[in-house]
Protein backbone atom coordinates (compact mmCIF):
# COMPACT_ATOMS: atom_id res chain seq x y z
CA MET A 1 0.00 0.00 0.00
CA GLN A 2 3.07 2.25 -0.05
CA ASN A 3 2.06 5.72 -1.32
CA LYS A 4 -1.37 4.56 -2.50
CA ILE A 5 -4.22 7.05 -2.10
CA VAL A 6 -7.05 5.65 0.04
CA LEU A 7 -10.35 7.38 0.82
CA VAL A 8 -12.48 6.24 3.76
CA THR A 9 -15.98 7.58 4.45
CA GLY A 10 -17.30 7.80 8.00
CA ALA A 11 -13.70 7.77 9.20
CA ASN A 12 -14.05 9.69 12.45
CA SER A 13 -14.97 6.68 14.64
CA GLY A 14 -15.55 2.94 14.79
CA MET A 15 -14.58 0.85 11.79
CA GLY A 16 -13.81 3.89 9.64
CA MET A 17 -11.19 5.04 12.13
CA ALA A 18 -9.77 1.50 12.53
CA THR A 19 -9.59 1.08 8.74
CA SER A 20 -7.85 4.44 8.30
CA VAL A 21 -5.27 3.64 10.99
CA GLU A 22 -4.49 0.16 9.64
CA LEU A 23 -4.07 1.29 6.03
CA ALA A 24 -1.91 4.23 7.10
CA ARG A 25 0.28 1.76 9.00
CA LYS A 26 0.65 -0.18 5.75
CA GLY A 27 2.07 2.92 4.05
CA ALA A 28 -1.01 4.35 2.33
CA GLU A 29 -1.82 8.04 2.15
CA VAL A 30 -5.27 8.11 3.74
CA VAL A 31 -7.96 10.75 3.31
CA MET A 32 -10.56 10.59 6.08
CA LEU A 33 -13.97 11.80 4.91
CA CYS A 34 -16.00 13.02 7.90
CA ARG A 35 -19.30 14.83 8.25
CA ASN A 36 -18.38 17.01 11.22
CA GLU A 37 -15.28 19.23 11.00
CA GLU A 38 -14.63 19.37 14.76
CA ARG A 39 -14.99 15.60 15.30
CA GLY A 40 -13.00 15.05 12.13
CA GLN A 41 -10.04 17.10 13.40
CA GLU A 42 -10.07 15.15 16.65
CA ALA A 43 -10.20 11.87 14.71
CA LEU A 44 -7.35 13.02 12.46
CA ARG A 45 -5.11 13.63 15.50
CA THR A 46 -6.03 10.21 16.93
CA ALA A 47 -5.41 8.41 13.62
CA ARG A 48 -1.99 10.03 13.18
CA THR A 49 -0.99 9.09 16.73
CA GLN A 50 -2.24 5.49 16.51
CA SER A 51 -0.77 4.82 13.06
CA GLY A 52 2.50 6.68 13.55
CA SER A 53 1.92 8.25 10.13
CA ASP A 54 1.43 11.92 9.28
CA ARG A 55 0.29 11.02 5.77
CA ILE A 56 -3.36 11.22 6.76
CA ALA A 57 -5.59 14.10 5.66
CA LEU A 58 -9.14 15.17 6.46
CA MET A 59 -11.91 16.32 4.15
CA GLN A 60 -15.38 17.30 5.22
CA CYS A 61 -18.15 15.38 3.48
CA ASP A 62 -21.79 15.12 4.51
CA LEU A 63 -23.26 12.07 2.76
CA ALA A 64 -26.73 13.39 3.61
CA SER A 65 -26.18 16.27 1.17
CA LEU A 66 -25.70 15.86 -2.59
CA ALA A 67 -24.18 19.36 -2.74
CA SER A 68 -21.57 18.41 -0.10
CA ILE A 69 -20.74 15.18 -1.98
CA ARG A 70 -20.29 17.03 -5.27
CA ALA A 71 -18.09 19.65 -3.57
CA VAL A 72 -15.79 17.09 -1.93
CA ALA A 73 -15.56 15.03 -5.15
CA GLU A 74 -14.42 18.15 -6.98
CA LYS A 75 -11.73 18.76 -4.32
CA ILE A 76 -10.55 15.15 -4.43
CA ASN A 77 -10.38 15.08 -8.21
CA ALA A 78 -8.36 18.32 -8.21
CA ARG A 79 -5.92 17.19 -5.50
CA TYR A 80 -5.65 13.47 -6.33
CA PRO A 81 -5.82 12.74 -10.08
CA VAL A 82 -5.36 9.05 -9.19
CA VAL A 83 -7.27 7.32 -6.38
CA ASP A 84 -6.30 3.74 -5.55
CA VAL A 85 -8.94 2.73 -3.00
CA LEU A 86 -12.38 4.01 -1.99
CA ILE A 87 -13.90 2.46 1.12
CA ASN A 88 -17.60 3.33 1.44
CA ASN A 89 -17.83 2.68 5.16
CA ALA A 90 -20.13 5.39 6.57
CA GLY A 91 -23.50 4.23 7.83
CA VAL A 92 -26.44 5.46 9.87
CA VAL A 93 -29.29 3.79 11.73
CA ASN A 94 -32.36 5.86 12.62
CA LEU A 95 -35.02 4.69 15.04
CA LYS A 96 -37.35 7.44 13.82
CA ARG A 97 -37.77 8.51 10.20
CA GLN A 98 -35.46 11.35 9.23
CA THR A 99 -34.65 12.84 5.85
CA THR A 100 -31.49 14.12 4.18
CA ALA A 101 -31.01 17.66 2.85
CA ASP A 102 -32.45 16.40 -0.46
CA GLY A 103 -35.53 14.73 1.06
CA PHE A 104 -34.31 11.11 0.97
CA GLU A 105 -35.06 8.77 3.87
CA MET A 106 -31.84 9.10 5.88
CA MET A 107 -30.63 5.46 5.91
CA LEU A 108 -31.18 4.94 2.17
CA GLY A 109 -29.87 8.46 1.49
CA VAL A 110 -26.59 8.11 3.40
CA ASN A 111 -25.88 4.37 3.29
CA HIS A 112 -26.67 3.95 -0.41
CA LEU A 113 -27.45 7.08 -2.45
CA GLY A 114 -24.66 9.21 -0.97
CA HIS A 115 -22.07 6.53 -1.66
CA PHE A 116 -23.58 5.85 -5.09
CA LEU A 117 -23.02 9.47 -6.12
CA LEU A 118 -19.57 9.77 -4.53
CA THR A 119 -18.34 6.58 -6.20
CA ASN A 120 -19.56 7.62 -9.64
CA LEU A 121 -17.94 11.05 -9.32
CA LEU A 122 -14.60 9.45 -8.39
CA LEU A 123 -14.70 6.60 -10.90
CA GLU A 124 -12.42 8.28 -13.41
CA ALA A 125 -9.69 8.79 -10.76
CA LEU A 126 -10.08 5.16 -9.63
CA GLN A 127 -9.73 3.94 -13.22
CA LYS A 128 -6.36 5.72 -13.49
CA GLY A 129 -4.85 3.66 -10.66
CA SER A 130 -2.74 0.56 -11.26
CA GLN A 131 -5.69 -1.31 -9.80
CA GLY A 132 -8.51 0.78 -8.36
CA ARG A 133 -10.49 -0.88 -5.59
CA ILE A 134 -13.92 -0.01 -4.23
CA VAL A 135 -15.10 -1.61 -0.99
CA ASN A 136 -18.73 -1.20 0.06
CA VAL A 137 -19.49 -1.98 3.70
CA SER A 138 -22.83 -3.78 3.83
CA SER A 139 -24.30 -6.12 6.46
CA ASP A 140 -26.02 -9.47 6.81
CA ALA A 141 -29.08 -7.35 7.68
CA HIS A 142 -29.53 -7.22 3.88
CA LYS A 143 -31.01 -10.73 4.09
CA VAL A 144 -34.30 -9.39 5.47
CA GLY A 145 -34.23 -6.45 3.09
CA LYS A 146 -36.36 -5.50 0.11
CA ILE A 147 -36.13 -2.50 -2.24
CA HIS A 148 -39.47 -0.74 -1.74
CA PHE A 149 -39.74 0.88 -5.16
CA GLU A 150 -43.39 1.77 -4.46
CA ASP A 151 -42.24 3.86 -1.45
CA PRO A 152 -38.41 3.82 -1.32
CA HIS A 153 -38.16 6.67 1.17
CA LEU A 154 -40.68 4.96 3.47
CA SER A 155 -42.88 8.02 3.81
CA HIS A 156 -45.99 5.87 4.38
CA SER A 157 -44.65 2.97 6.40
CA PHE A 158 -41.36 3.35 8.28
CA ASN A 159 -39.56 1.12 10.72
CA VAL A 160 -35.86 0.95 11.50
CA VAL A 161 -35.33 -2.67 10.41
CA LYS A 162 -37.15 -2.15 7.11
CA GLY A 163 -35.12 0.99 6.36
CA TYR A 164 -31.71 -0.31 7.41
CA ALA A 165 -32.13 -3.69 5.67
CA GLN A 166 -33.22 -1.94 2.46
CA SER A 167 -30.10 0.26 2.52
CA LYS A 168 -27.77 -2.70 3.12
CA LEU A 169 -29.37 -4.73 0.32
CA ALA A 170 -28.89 -1.66 -1.90
CA ASN A 171 -25.14 -1.71 -1.06
CA ILE A 172 -24.78 -5.24 -2.45
CA LEU A 173 -26.95 -4.65 -5.52
CA PHE A 174 -24.94 -1.48 -6.26
CA THR A 175 -21.72 -3.50 -5.94
CA ARG A 176 -23.04 -6.15 -8.34
CA GLU A 177 -24.15 -3.72 -11.03
CA LEU A 178 -21.04 -1.52 -10.73
CA ALA A 179 -18.81 -4.60 -11.13
CA LYS A 180 -20.51 -5.28 -14.49
CA ARG A 181 -20.09 -1.68 -15.61
CA VAL A 182 -16.37 -1.54 -14.80
CA ALA A 183 -15.59 -5.04 -16.09
CA GLY A 184 -12.58 -4.92 -18.39
CA SER A 185 -11.15 -1.87 -16.63
CA ARG A 186 -8.57 -1.84 -13.82
CA VAL A 187 -11.25 -1.29 -11.16
CA THR A 188 -12.74 -3.95 -8.90
CA VAL A 189 -15.63 -3.52 -6.48
CA ASN A 190 -16.67 -5.82 -3.64
CA SER A 191 -18.96 -5.64 -0.63
CA VAL A 192 -18.35 -6.83 2.90
CA HIS A 193 -20.24 -7.95 5.98
CA PRO A 194 -18.01 -6.85 8.87
CA GLY A 195 -19.80 -8.92 11.53
CA ALA A 196 -21.49 -7.54 14.65
CA VAL A 197 -19.25 -4.63 15.63
CA THR A 198 -19.38 -2.20 18.55
CA THR A 199 -19.69 1.23 16.93
CA ASN A 200 -21.78 4.34 17.61
CA LEU A 201 -24.25 3.22 14.95
CA GLY A 202 -27.77 3.63 16.30
CA ILE A 203 -26.81 5.99 19.16
CA SER A 204 -28.48 9.37 18.85
CA ARG A 205 -25.87 12.16 18.69
CA GLU A 206 -28.43 14.63 20.03
CA THR A 207 -29.86 12.68 23.00
CA GLY A 208 -27.46 9.79 23.54
CA PHE A 209 -30.44 7.41 23.19
CA GLY A 210 -29.27 3.84 22.59
CA LYS A 211 -26.14 3.96 24.78
CA TRP A 212 -27.59 1.50 27.30
CA VAL A 213 -28.16 -1.09 24.56
CA TYR A 214 -24.62 -0.51 23.32
CA SER A 215 -23.10 -1.05 26.80
CA LEU A 216 -25.25 -4.15 27.35
CA LEU A 217 -24.21 -5.83 24.09
CA LYS A 218 -20.59 -4.64 23.90
CA PRO A 219 -19.02 -7.80 25.45
CA PHE A 220 -20.58 -9.96 22.69
CA PHE A 221 -19.48 -7.81 19.75
CA LEU A 222 -16.29 -7.48 17.69
CA THR A 223 -14.07 -4.46 18.23
CA PRO A 224 -13.96 -1.91 15.37
CA ALA A 225 -10.44 -3.15 14.50
CA GLU A 226 -11.71 -6.74 14.22
CA GLY A 227 -14.69 -5.58 12.15
CA ALA A 228 -12.41 -3.60 9.84
CA LYS A 229 -10.20 -6.61 8.98
CA THR A 230 -12.10 -7.74 5.90
CA ALA A 231 -12.38 -4.21 4.46
CA VAL A 232 -8.62 -3.71 4.99
CA TYR A 233 -8.00 -7.13 3.36
CA LEU A 234 -10.09 -6.18 0.31
CA ALA A 235 -8.32 -2.84 0.04
CA SER A 236 -4.76 -4.15 0.34
CA SER A 237 -4.35 -7.86 -0.35
CA PRO A 238 -2.87 -8.82 -3.75
CA GLU A 239 -4.76 -12.12 -3.75
CA VAL A 240 -8.21 -10.50 -4.04
CA GLY A 241 -7.27 -8.31 -7.00
CA GLN A 242 -8.98 -10.74 -9.39
CA PHE A 243 -12.36 -10.65 -7.62
CA SER A 244 -15.13 -8.20 -8.39
CA GLY A 245 -18.86 -8.09 -7.61
CA ARG A 246 -18.43 -10.46 -4.66
CA TYR A 247 -19.66 -10.39 -1.07
CA PHE A 248 -17.06 -11.12 1.64
CA TYR A 249 -17.25 -12.14 5.29
CA LYS A 250 -14.25 -12.99 7.50
CA MET A 251 -11.93 -12.49 4.52
CA LYS A 252 -13.72 -15.14 2.45
CA ILE A 253 -16.33 -15.04 -0.30
CA ALA A 254 -19.80 -15.53 1.17
CA THR A 255 -23.21 -16.01 -0.43
CA PRO A 256 -25.66 -13.11 -0.09
CA SER A 257 -29.45 -13.45 -0.24
CA LYS A 258 -31.26 -14.41 -3.48
CA LYS A 259 -32.51 -10.82 -3.85
CA ALA A 260 -28.91 -9.58 -3.60
CA GLN A 261 -28.02 -11.82 -6.58
CA ASP A 262 -30.86 -10.54 -8.79
CA ASP A 263 -29.24 -8.80 -11.78
CA GLY A 264 -32.54 -7.31 -12.95
CA LEU A 265 -33.13 -5.80 -9.52
CA ALA A 266 -29.56 -4.44 -9.44
CA ARG A 267 -30.05 -2.75 -12.82
CA ARG A 268 -33.39 -1.29 -11.79
CA LEU A 269 -31.92 0.09 -8.56
CA TRP A 270 -29.00 1.64 -10.50
CA GLU A 271 -31.33 3.42 -12.93
CA TRP A 272 -33.56 4.65 -10.08
CA SER A 273 -30.49 5.83 -8.11
CA GLU A 274 -29.13 7.77 -11.10
CA LYS A 275 -32.37 9.75 -11.31
CA GLU A 276 -32.50 10.37 -7.56
CA VAL A 277 -28.99 11.87 -7.38
CA GLY A 278 -29.17 13.63 -10.77
CA LEU A 279 -26.43 11.75 -12.62
């Protein structure tokens, strides 16, 4: 990974932080994409200390805003003509329905549509690398998911499981369709189930709601560093360079749900996503 340019979304805590630290230790130049400037600066200091590398930078990117995504993509493309790895790690869980700046249901908006737009805007830079890699962090929660095309933003019938599972299924379908579209180029794209990891996912930043569940379950969960292992493996290991469009768990190819393997569904989601983000 020496001198390779790596971008990590949601890098200010949890698996994003662990991924950034580990890849910096391997010699990569890491750009941490964080929503909040203040928390991002704090995370940047921590990542530099833990990795022993000063080749880590910070860029502000709010995946709940298409304008913010377009602005950061413009900055990245200007500063880094070649990008070697993009790790779409950021994720949100909302117990109550919330919407992004563009009116998308928050989980679908951030977990899928935000990453969909960012990836497409950076594709040219990734294709210039010796072997561009895209890693989409999904979850086994996708197995209970469905793409609700009749009401994708769940304005009529919302619950947290329905919303989160839909967004995680979308991650895998996006991976599948993108792999077809970049076939024959030097870019590969794979998705990953990190396992059950202790992160701040699901804890309300405003009220702290959810902390008691987090503390109760923490002993049974993987640490962020353990959860980040497969994403780091997909970003850096020479042996996975030949794989694209696959779903990984514990550094091995796993089988996603039947819906996640539906090429027609993947194509339909892609076309719908393009319209939503204005590509």
